[in-house]
PDB file of N, CA and C in Angstrom:
ATOM      1  N   MET A   1     -14.126   6.207  -4.034  1.00  0.00           N
ATOM      2  CA  MET A   1     -13.264   7.368  -4.210  1.00  0.00           C
ATOM      3  C   MET A   1     -12.372   7.118  -5.423  1.00  0.00           C
ATOM      4  N   ASN A   2     -12.192   8.090  -6.253  1.00  0.00           N
ATOM      5  CA  ASN A   2     -11.399   7.871  -7.448  1.00  0.00           C
ATOM      6  C   ASN A   2      -9.931   8.218  -7.219  1.00  0.00           C
ATOM      7  N   ALA A   3      -9.095   7.776  -8.156  1.00  0.00           N
ATOM      8  CA  ALA A   3      -7.653   7.942  -8.012  1.00  0.00           C
ATOM      9  C   ALA A   3      -7.228   9.401  -8.061  1.00  0.00           C
ATOM     10  N   GLN A   4      -8.043  10.269  -8.606  1.00  0.00           N
ATOM     11  CA  GLN A   4      -7.672  11.669  -8.707  1.00  0.00           C
ATOM     12  C   GLN A   4      -7.607  12.341  -7.336  1.00  0.00           C
ATOM     13  N   ARG A   5      -8.217  11.753  -6.332  1.00  0.00           N
ATOM     14  CA  ARG A   5      -8.182  12.330  -5.002  1.00  0.00           C
ATOM     15  C   ARG A   5      -7.024  11.805  -4.166  1.00  0.00           C
ATOM     16  N   LEU A   6      -6.224  10.937  -4.719  1.00  0.00           N
ATOM     17  CA  LEU A   6      -5.068  10.412  -4.003  1.00  0.00           C
ATOM     18  C   LEU A   6      -3.925  11.414  -4.037  1.00  0.00           C
ATOM     19  N   THR A   7      -3.163  11.419  -2.961  1.00  0.00           N
ATOM     20  CA  THR A   7      -1.951  12.229  -2.960  1.00  0.00           C
ATOM     21  C   THR A   7      -0.894  11.501  -3.782  1.00  0.00           C
ATOM     22  N   ALA A   8       0.157  12.204  -4.127  1.00  0.00           N
ATOM     23  CA  ALA A   8       1.251  11.586  -4.881  1.00  0.00           C
ATOM     24  C   ALA A   8       1.853  10.432  -4.094  1.00  0.00           C
ATOM     25  N   ARG A   9       1.976  10.586  -2.784  1.00  0.00           N
ATOM     26  CA  ARG A   9       2.535   9.537  -1.936  1.00  0.00           C
ATOM     27  C   ARG A   9       1.625   8.307  -1.931  1.00  0.00           C
ATOM     28  N   GLN A  10       0.320   8.530  -1.839  1.00  0.00           N
ATOM     29  CA  GLN A  10      -0.622   7.406  -1.857  1.00  0.00           C
ATOM     30  C   GLN A  10      -0.578   6.677  -3.189  1.00  0.00           C
ATOM     31  N   GLU A  11      -0.462   7.421  -4.270  1.00  0.00           N
ATOM     32  CA  GLU A  11      -0.352   6.805  -5.588  1.00  0.00           C
ATOM     33  C   GLU A  11       0.898   5.945  -5.680  1.00  0.00           C
ATOM     34  N   SER A  12       2.021   6.427  -5.137  1.00  0.00           N
ATOM     35  CA  SER A  12       3.262   5.658  -5.210  1.00  0.00           C
ATOM     36  C   SER A  12       3.187   4.410  -4.336  1.00  0.00           C
ATOM     37  N   VAL A  13       2.535   4.495  -3.184  1.00  0.00           N
ATOM     38  CA  VAL A  13       2.372   3.328  -2.322  1.00  0.00           C
ATOM     39  C   VAL A  13       1.473   2.304  -3.016  1.00  0.00           C
ATOM     40  N   LEU A  14       0.387   2.746  -3.599  1.00  0.00           N
ATOM     41  CA  LEU A  14      -0.517   1.848  -4.304  1.00  0.00           C
ATOM     42  C   LEU A  14       0.197   1.180  -5.486  1.00  0.00           C
ATOM     43  N   ARG A  15       0.992   1.941  -6.200  1.00  0.00           N
ATOM     44  CA  ARG A  15       1.767   1.401  -7.319  1.00  0.00           C
ATOM     45  C   ARG A  15       2.773   0.365  -6.825  1.00  0.00           C
ATOM     46  N   ALA A  16       3.408   0.632  -5.686  1.00  0.00           N
ATOM     47  CA  ALA A  16       4.373  -0.306  -5.116  1.00  0.00           C
ATOM     48  C   ALA A  16       3.692  -1.628  -4.757  1.00  0.00           C
ATOM     49  N   ILE A  17       2.492  -1.544  -4.223  1.00  0.00           N
ATOM     50  CA  ILE A  17       1.749  -2.758  -3.878  1.00  0.00           C
ATOM     51  C   ILE A  17       1.404  -3.527  -5.148  1.00  0.00           C
ATOM     52  N   ARG A  18       0.896  -2.824  -6.152  1.00  0.00           N
ATOM     53  CA  ARG A  18       0.548  -3.466  -7.429  1.00  0.00           C
ATOM     54  C   ARG A  18       1.763  -4.151  -8.047  1.00  0.00           C
ATOM     55  N   ASP A  19       2.890  -3.441  -8.075  1.00  0.00           N
ATOM     56  CA  ASP A  19       4.100  -3.987  -8.669  1.00  0.00           C
ATOM     57  C   ASP A  19       4.597  -5.210  -7.913  1.00  0.00           C
ATOM     58  N   ALA A  20       4.568  -5.145  -6.590  1.00  0.00           N
ATOM     59  CA  ALA A  20       5.038  -6.276  -5.786  1.00  0.00           C
ATOM     60  C   ALA A  20       4.162  -7.505  -5.997  1.00  0.00           C
ATOM     61  N   ILE A  21       2.851  -7.302  -6.060  1.00  0.00           N
ATOM     62  CA  ILE A  21       1.941  -8.424  -6.292  1.00  0.00           C
ATOM     63  C   ILE A  21       2.170  -9.005  -7.689  1.00  0.00           C
ATOM     64  N   ALA A  22       2.395  -8.135  -8.666  1.00  0.00           N
ATOM     65  CA  ALA A  22       2.659  -8.602 -10.031  1.00  0.00           C
ATOM     66  C   ALA A  22       3.981  -9.360 -10.102  1.00  0.00           C
ATOM     67  N   ASP A  23       4.990  -8.902  -9.360  1.00  0.00           N
ATOM     68  CA  ASP A  23       6.315  -9.526  -9.391  1.00  0.00           C
ATOM     69  C   ASP A  23       6.372 -10.844  -8.632  1.00  0.00           C
ATOM     70  N   THR A  24       5.746 -10.883  -7.448  1.00  0.00           N
ATOM     71  CA  THR A  24       5.918 -12.038  -6.560  1.00  0.00           C
ATOM     72  C   THR A  24       4.641 -12.815  -6.294  1.00  0.00           C
ATOM     73  N   GLY A  25       3.500 -12.218  -6.573  1.00  0.00           N
ATOM     74  CA  GLY A  25       2.236 -12.864  -6.265  1.00  0.00           C
ATOM     75  C   GLY A  25       1.756 -12.609  -4.853  1.00  0.00           C
ATOM     76  N   ASP A  26       2.570 -11.933  -4.049  1.00  0.00           N
ATOM     77  CA  ASP A  26       2.224 -11.623  -2.664  1.00  0.00           C
ATOM     78  C   ASP A  26       2.316 -10.131  -2.421  1.00  0.00           C
ATOM     79  N   ALA A  27       1.568  -9.676  -1.434  1.00  0.00           N
ATOM     80  CA  ALA A  27       1.660  -8.270  -1.033  1.00  0.00           C
ATOM     81  C   ALA A  27       3.013  -8.027  -0.359  1.00  0.00           C
ATOM     82  N   PRO A  28       3.553  -6.839  -0.496  1.00  0.00           N
ATOM     83  CA  PRO A  28       4.841  -6.533   0.126  1.00  0.00           C
ATOM     84  C   PRO A  28       4.691  -6.248   1.619  1.00  0.00           C
ATOM     85  N   THR A  29       5.797  -6.349   2.337  1.00  0.00           N
ATOM     86  CA  THR A  29       5.813  -5.951   3.739  1.00  0.00           C
ATOM     87  C   THR A  29       5.873  -4.430   3.815  1.00  0.00           C
ATOM     88  N   ILE A  30       5.670  -3.899   4.994  1.00  0.00           N
ATOM     89  CA  ILE A  30       5.776  -2.453   5.184  1.00  0.00           C
ATOM     90  C   ILE A  30       7.175  -1.973   4.821  1.00  0.00           C
ATOM     91  N   CYS A  31       8.192  -2.723   5.230  1.00  0.00           N
ATOM     92  CA  CYS A  31       9.574  -2.327   4.907  1.00  0.00           C
ATOM     93  C   CYS A  31       9.827  -2.353   3.403  1.00  0.00           C
ATOM     94  N   GLU A  32       9.288  -3.348   2.709  1.00  0.00           N
ATOM     95  CA  GLU A  32       9.460  -3.421   1.259  1.00  0.00           C
ATOM     96  C   GLU A  32       8.776  -2.246   0.574  1.00  0.00           C
ATOM     97  N   ILE A  33       7.600  -1.887   1.031  1.00  0.00           N
ATOM     98  CA  ILE A  33       6.911  -0.724   0.459  1.00  0.00           C
ATOM     99  C   ILE A  33       7.743   0.525   0.706  1.00  0.00           C
ATOM    100  N   GLY A  34       8.231   0.679   1.915  1.00  0.00           N
ATOM    101  CA  GLY A  34       9.057   1.837   2.248  1.00  0.00           C
ATOM    102  C   GLY A  34      10.258   1.966   1.334  1.00  0.00           C
ATOM    103  N   ARG A  35      10.941   0.842   1.087  1.00  0.00           N
ATOM    104  CA  ARG A  35      12.108   0.875   0.188  1.00  0.00           C
ATOM    105  C   ARG A  35      11.704   1.268  -1.220  1.00  0.00           C
ATOM    106  N   ARG A  36      10.563   0.770  -1.677  1.00  0.00           N
ATOM    107  CA  ARG A  36      10.117   1.065  -3.049  1.00  0.00           C
ATOM    108  C   ARG A  36       9.723   2.529  -3.232  1.00  0.00           C
ATOM    109  N   VAL A  37       9.189   3.156  -2.185  1.00  0.00           N
ATOM    110  CA  VAL A  37       8.701   4.530  -2.331  1.00  0.00           C
ATOM    111  C   VAL A  37       9.599   5.568  -1.655  1.00  0.00           C
ATOM    112  N   GLY A  38      10.665   5.130  -1.005  1.00  0.00           N
ATOM    113  CA  GLY A  38      11.594   6.073  -0.401  1.00  0.00           C
ATOM    114  C   GLY A  38      11.191   6.577   0.975  1.00  0.00           C
ATOM    115  N   LEU A  39      10.426   5.777   1.717  1.00  0.00           N
ATOM    116  CA  LEU A  39      10.065   6.136   3.092  1.00  0.00           C
ATOM    117  C   LEU A  39      10.836   5.237   4.046  1.00  0.00           C
ATOM    118  N   SER A  40      11.559   5.838   4.973  1.00  0.00           N
ATOM    119  CA  SER A  40      12.324   5.031   5.927  1.00  0.00           C
ATOM    120  C   SER A  40      11.525   4.721   7.186  1.00  0.00           C
ATOM    121  N   SER A  41      10.469   5.466   7.440  1.00  0.00           N
ATOM    122  CA  SER A  41       9.658   5.267   8.631  1.00  0.00           C
ATOM    123  C   SER A  41       8.530   4.275   8.347  1.00  0.00           C
ATOM    124  N   THR A  42       8.519   3.171   9.093  1.00  0.00           N
ATOM    125  CA  THR A  42       7.440   2.202   8.916  1.00  0.00           C
ATOM    126  C   THR A  42       6.104   2.799   9.355  1.00  0.00           C
ATOM    127  N   GLY A  43       6.152   3.723  10.287  1.00  0.00           N
ATOM    128  CA  GLY A  43       4.927   4.399  10.717  1.00  0.00           C
ATOM    129  C   GLY A  43       4.313   5.213   9.590  1.00  0.00           C
ATOM    130  N   SER A  44       5.153   5.861   8.796  1.00  0.00           N
ATOM    131  CA  SER A  44       4.653   6.640   7.654  1.00  0.00           C
ATOM    132  C   SER A  44       4.014   5.729   6.611  1.00  0.00           C
ATOM    133  N   VAL A  45       4.642   4.586   6.378  1.00  0.00           N
ATOM    134  CA  VAL A  45       4.077   3.629   5.422  1.00  0.00           C
ATOM    135  C   VAL A  45       2.734   3.115   5.946  1.00  0.00           C
ATOM    136  N   ALA A  46       2.688   2.750   7.225  1.00  0.00           N
ATOM    137  CA  ALA A  46       1.449   2.246   7.813  1.00  0.00           C
ATOM    138  C   ALA A  46       0.343   3.298   7.748  1.00  0.00           C
ATOM    139  N   TYR A  47       0.698   4.545   7.957  1.00  0.00           N
ATOM    140  CA  TYR A  47      -0.282   5.631   7.851  1.00  0.00           C
ATOM    141  C   TYR A  47      -0.863   5.685   6.441  1.00  0.00           C
ATOM    142  N   GLN A  48       0.004   5.636   5.430  1.00  0.00           N
ATOM    143  CA  GLN A  48      -0.457   5.690   4.039  1.00  0.00           C
ATOM    144  C   GLN A  48      -1.322   4.478   3.715  1.00  0.00           C
ATOM    145  N   LEU A  49      -0.947   3.310   4.220  1.00  0.00           N
ATOM    146  CA  LEU A  49      -1.748   2.111   3.997  1.00  0.00           C
ATOM    147  C   LEU A  49      -3.124   2.245   4.652  1.00  0.00           C
ATOM    148  N   GLY A  50      -3.154   2.819   5.835  1.00  0.00           N
ATOM    149  CA  GLY A  50      -4.430   3.055   6.513  1.00  0.00           C
ATOM    150  C   GLY A  50      -5.326   3.983   5.718  1.00  0.00           C
ATOM    151  N   CYS A  51      -4.735   5.010   5.146  1.00  0.00           N
ATOM    152  CA  CYS A  51      -5.513   5.940   4.307  1.00  0.00           C
ATOM    153  C   CYS A  51      -6.074   5.222   3.084  1.00  0.00           C
ATOM    154  N   LEU A  52      -5.256   4.392   2.440  1.00  0.00           N
ATOM    155  CA  LEU A  52      -5.716   3.652   1.266  1.00  0.00           C
ATOM    156  C   LEU A  52      -6.813   2.655   1.642  1.00  0.00           C
ATOM    157  N   GLU A  53      -6.699   2.079   2.828  1.00  0.00           N
ATOM    158  CA  GLU A  53      -7.726   1.150   3.283  1.00  0.00           C
ATOM    159  C   GLU A  53      -9.038   1.894   3.536  1.00  0.00           C
ATOM    160  N   LYS A  54      -8.965   3.069   4.148  1.00  0.00           N
ATOM    161  CA  LYS A  54     -10.175   3.865   4.392  1.00  0.00           C
ATOM    162  C   LYS A  54     -10.830   4.302   3.093  1.00  0.00           C
ATOM    163  N   LEU A  55     -10.021   4.525   2.061  1.00  0.00           N
ATOM    164  CA  LEU A  55     -10.553   4.909   0.757  1.00  0.00           C
ATOM    165  C   LEU A  55     -11.139   3.713   0.002  1.00  0.00           C
ATOM    166  N   GLY A  56     -10.940   2.520   0.542  1.00  0.00           N
ATOM    167  CA  GLY A  56     -11.470   1.321  -0.091  1.00  0.00           C
ATOM    168  C   GLY A  56     -10.642   0.786  -1.234  1.00  0.00           C
ATOM    169  N   LEU A  57      -9.401   1.234  -1.347  1.00  0.00           N
ATOM    170  CA  LEU A  57      -8.548   0.791  -2.454  1.00  0.00           C
ATOM    171  C   LEU A  57      -7.787  -0.479  -2.131  1.00  0.00           C
ATOM    172  N   ILE A  58      -7.573  -0.741  -0.859  1.00  0.00           N
ATOM    173  CA  ILE A  58      -6.945  -1.983  -0.430  1.00  0.00           C
ATOM    174  C   ILE A  58      -7.735  -2.528   0.757  1.00  0.00           C
ATOM    175  N   SER A  59      -7.566  -3.803   1.007  1.00  0.00           N
ATOM    176  CA  SER A  59      -8.145  -4.420   2.192  1.00  0.00           C
ATOM    177  C   SER A  59      -7.134  -5.416   2.724  1.00  0.00           C
ATOM    178  N   ARG A  60      -7.327  -5.841   3.951  1.00  0.00           N
ATOM    179  CA  ARG A  60      -6.423  -6.831   4.507  1.00  0.00           C
ATOM    180  C   ARG A  60      -7.202  -7.807   5.374  1.00  0.00           C
ATOM    181  N   ASN A  61      -6.643  -8.981   5.486  1.00  0.00           N
ATOM    182  CA  ASN A  61      -7.195 -10.010   6.363  1.00  0.00           C
ATOM    183  C   ASN A  61      -6.348 -10.007   7.627  1.00  0.00           C
ATOM    184  N   GLY A  62      -6.967  -9.796   8.742  1.00  0.00           N
ATOM    185  CA  GLY A  62      -6.207  -9.786   9.982  1.00  0.00           C
ATOM    186  C   GLY A  62      -5.497  -8.474  10.204  1.00  0.00           C
ATOM    187  N   ARG A  63      -4.491  -8.521  11.040  1.00  0.00           N
ATOM    188  CA  ARG A  63      -3.779  -7.307  11.439  1.00  0.00           C
ATOM    189  C   ARG A  63      -2.598  -6.967  10.553  1.00  0.00           C
ATOM    190  N   HIS A  64      -2.090  -7.923   9.812  1.00  0.00           N
ATOM    191  CA  HIS A  64      -0.834  -7.722   9.095  1.00  0.00           C
ATOM    192  C   HIS A  64      -1.052  -7.131   7.706  1.00  0.00           C
ATOM    193  N   TRP A  65      -0.234  -6.144   7.380  1.00  0.00           N
ATOM    194  CA  TRP A  65      -0.345  -5.516   6.063  1.00  0.00           C
ATOM    195  C   TRP A  65       0.106  -6.449   4.962  1.00  0.00           C
ATOM    196  N   ARG A  66       0.884  -7.445   5.290  1.00  0.00           N
ATOM    197  CA  ARG A  66       1.332  -8.401   4.278  1.00  0.00           C
ATOM    198  C   ARG A  66       0.133  -9.107   3.635  1.00  0.00           C
ATOM    199  N   SER A  67      -0.988  -9.119   4.345  1.00  0.00           N
ATOM    200  CA  SER A  67      -2.183  -9.782   3.820  1.00  0.00           C
ATOM    201  C   SER A  67      -3.047  -8.840   2.991  1.00  0.00           C
ATOM    202  N   CYS A  68      -2.564  -7.628   2.704  1.00  0.00           N
ATOM    203  CA  CYS A  68      -3.401  -6.671   1.978  1.00  0.00           C
ATOM    204  C   CYS A  68      -3.608  -7.108   0.533  1.00  0.00           C
ATOM    205  N   ARG A  69      -4.736  -6.747   0.019  1.00  0.00           N
ATOM    206  CA  ARG A  69      -5.117  -7.023  -1.358  1.00  0.00           C
ATOM    207  C   ARG A  69      -5.711  -5.771  -1.964  1.00  0.00           C
ATOM    208  N   LEU A  70      -5.524  -5.640  -3.263  1.00  0.00           N
ATOM    209  CA  LEU A  70      -6.122  -4.520  -3.989  1.00  0.00           C
ATOM    210  C   LEU A  70      -7.605  -4.798  -4.153  1.00  0.00           C
ATOM    211  N   THR A  71      -8.413  -3.791  -3.949  1.00  0.00           N
ATOM    212  CA  THR A  71      -9.857  -3.979  -4.109  1.00  0.00           C
ATOM    213  C   THR A  71     -10.357  -3.387  -5.408  1.00  0.00           C
ATOM    214  N   ARG A  72      -9.582  -2.547  -6.042  1.00  0.00           N
ATOM    215  CA  ARG A  72      -9.976  -1.929  -7.314  1.00  0.00           C
ATOM    216  C   ARG A  72      -8.837  -1.973  -8.274  1.00  0.00           C
TER     217      ARG A  72
END
């Protein structure tokens, strides 16, 4: 799936993940992503992460989003 089909929110979440990995070398927590994109609900962040995972743009090892990695 290409980036043109992403919503603005998904693009900002993906950008937040990219920036955090570039800054620290590690994927951000759900709370860190929320702060970066202006979402206070961890459920909303998790939903967006799930959508990005279904699109194949990120993957994770195990259950924790902190282990997510960019696939593209």
